[in-house]
Structure formats: structure tokens, C-alpha cells
Amino acid sequence: MPGLLQVVFKTAFGLTVDLSNYAVAQLFSETQSRYVVSVTSDQQAAFEALAQERGVFVQQLGTVTDEPTIHVTTAERTYILDKANLESLWQNALPTLLNPS
């Protein structure tokens, strides 16, 4: 999940993501063989064809939106999250943990 969010951090864009088929452990795993790739809609078919040609499994998890919010659908519910708040938490996580007040 952090990799998906980093795609839109420091941009004016948001995300709509459907993670209803994934276990929580999969969302936070940092397995080295998985990558987040963002392609424009007009290049999606070509990207998927190239991946299939090379034997690489790809799956669309969501879309980038013009709205600066994060919509995440899980098996339990849909969350609408403020991107600016998430980005601030992400940017300040280590300084906050290393310098507690």
C-alpha cells in the first residue's frame, strides 16, 4: 500500500484503489519481486501486452484521479482518505519516532 500512495504523493492527483482481493499482509509486504507501475490509459493495453509477451503477471489495482483524495476499497468497506494528511504522516513518521516530545 505505501508504494501505491507514493505514486501520488507530491502531486495534485489522488487514487482510487480496489484491494478487496488482498490480505492485509500482502498490502504491506515489501517483496522485491513486486513493483508499482503507473501508465497512462492510452498506453495500458500496450503495457499489458508487453508484460504478457514477457511472461510477467500484471494486475490493475486502481486508477490515478484528478481529485486529491484516496479511495481504497477493501473486503470490508471503502475508505475515503485525505491525501494531504496521509502524506504528512508519511513524511513525518521517522522524525516523530526518533524525536518524541
Protein backbone atom coordinates (compact mmCIF):
# COMPACT_ATOMS: atom_id res chain seq x y z
CA MET A 1 0.00 0.00 0.00
CA PRO A 2 2.76 2.54 0.74
CA GLY A 3 4.09 2.10 -2.79
CA LEU A 4 0.70 2.97 -4.25
CA LEU A 5 0.46 6.11 -2.15
CA GLN A 6 3.95 7.23 -3.10
CA VAL A 7 2.84 7.33 -6.75
CA VAL A 8 0.63 10.36 -6.00
CA PHE A 9 2.46 11.98 -3.09
CA LYS A 10 3.93 15.37 -4.07
CA THR A 11 1.43 15.64 -6.94
CA ALA A 12 -2.03 17.15 -7.35
CA PHE A 13 -3.51 13.71 -8.06
CA GLY A 14 -5.34 11.11 -5.99
CA LEU A 15 -6.10 7.39 -6.28
CA THR A 16 -9.00 5.02 -6.48
CA VAL A 17 -7.80 1.55 -5.49
CA ASP A 18 -9.59 -1.79 -5.15
CA LEU A 19 -7.75 -4.08 -2.74
CA SER A 20 -10.72 -6.27 -1.86
CA ASN A 21 -8.97 -9.44 -3.08
CA TYR A 22 -5.82 -8.97 -0.98
CA ALA A 23 -4.91 -9.95 2.58
CA VAL A 24 -3.60 -7.20 4.86
CA ALA A 25 -0.15 -8.82 4.95
CA GLN A 26 0.09 -8.53 1.17
CA LEU A 27 -0.63 -4.80 1.27
CA PHE A 28 2.34 -4.00 3.47
CA SER A 29 4.77 -6.62 2.18
CA GLU A 30 7.94 -5.33 0.59
CA THR A 31 8.62 -8.35 -1.58
CA GLN A 32 11.33 -7.44 -4.04
CA SER A 33 9.62 -9.07 -6.99
CA ARG A 34 6.61 -6.71 -6.92
CA TYR A 35 6.52 -3.26 -8.47
CA VAL A 36 4.03 -0.45 -8.76
CA VAL A 37 3.84 0.87 -12.28
CA SER A 38 1.72 3.79 -13.40
CA VAL A 39 0.88 4.06 -17.09
CA THR A 40 -1.46 6.38 -18.95
CA SER A 41 -4.77 4.90 -20.04
CA ASP A 42 -3.79 5.17 -23.70
CA GLN A 43 -0.67 3.05 -23.01
CA GLN A 44 -2.31 0.48 -20.74
CA ALA A 45 -3.11 -2.09 -23.44
CA ALA A 46 0.41 -1.89 -24.88
CA PHE A 47 1.95 -2.24 -21.42
CA GLU A 48 -0.21 -5.26 -20.59
CA ALA A 49 0.58 -6.87 -23.96
CA LEU A 50 4.31 -6.40 -23.42
CA ALA A 51 4.08 -7.86 -19.92
CA GLN A 52 2.16 -10.88 -21.20
CA GLU A 53 4.67 -11.34 -24.03
CA ARG A 54 7.48 -11.41 -21.45
CA GLY A 55 5.61 -13.72 -19.06
CA VAL A 56 5.15 -11.05 -16.39
CA PHE A 57 1.91 -11.08 -14.38
CA VAL A 58 0.31 -7.65 -14.08
CA GLN A 59 -2.88 -6.58 -12.40
CA GLN A 60 -4.54 -3.20 -12.32
CA LEU A 61 -5.16 -2.17 -8.73
CA GLY A 62 -6.63 1.24 -9.38
CA THR A 63 -6.55 4.50 -11.24
CA VAL A 64 -4.99 7.90 -10.71
CA THR A 65 -7.63 10.61 -10.33
CA ASP A 66 -7.74 14.40 -10.58
CA GLU A 67 -9.22 14.62 -7.08
CA PRO A 68 -6.64 14.84 -4.24
CA THR A 69 -8.23 12.08 -2.17
CA ILE A 70 -7.51 8.40 -1.75
CA HIS A 71 -10.41 5.96 -2.20
CA VAL A 72 -9.47 2.47 -1.01
CA THR A 73 -11.87 -0.44 -1.22
CA THR A 74 -11.11 -3.46 0.97
CA ALA A 75 -13.12 -6.62 1.53
CA GLU A 76 -14.84 -4.91 4.46
CA ARG A 77 -15.54 -1.36 3.22
CA THR A 78 -14.47 1.66 1.19
CA TYR A 79 -12.32 4.32 2.83
CA ILE A 80 -12.09 7.91 1.61
CA LEU A 81 -8.85 9.37 2.92
CA ASP A 82 -7.34 12.84 2.80
CA LYS A 83 -4.17 12.60 0.73
CA ALA A 84 -2.52 15.65 2.33
CA ASN A 85 -2.95 14.14 5.80
CA LEU A 86 -1.54 10.76 4.71
CA GLU A 87 1.41 12.44 3.01
CA SER A 88 2.17 14.47 6.13
CA LEU A 89 2.03 11.36 8.32
CA TRP A 90 4.33 9.52 5.89
CA GLN A 91 6.86 12.38 5.64
CA ASN A 92 6.97 12.92 9.40
CA ALA A 93 6.90 9.32 10.60
CA LEU A 94 10.64 8.88 11.22
CA PRO A 95 11.28 12.35 12.69
CA THR A 96 8.33 11.84 15.04
CA LEU A 97 9.52 8.40 16.12
CA LEU A 98 13.15 9.46 16.54
CA ASN A 99 12.40 12.75 18.35
CA PRO A 100 9.41 12.14 20.61
CA SER A 101 8.21 15.20 22.54
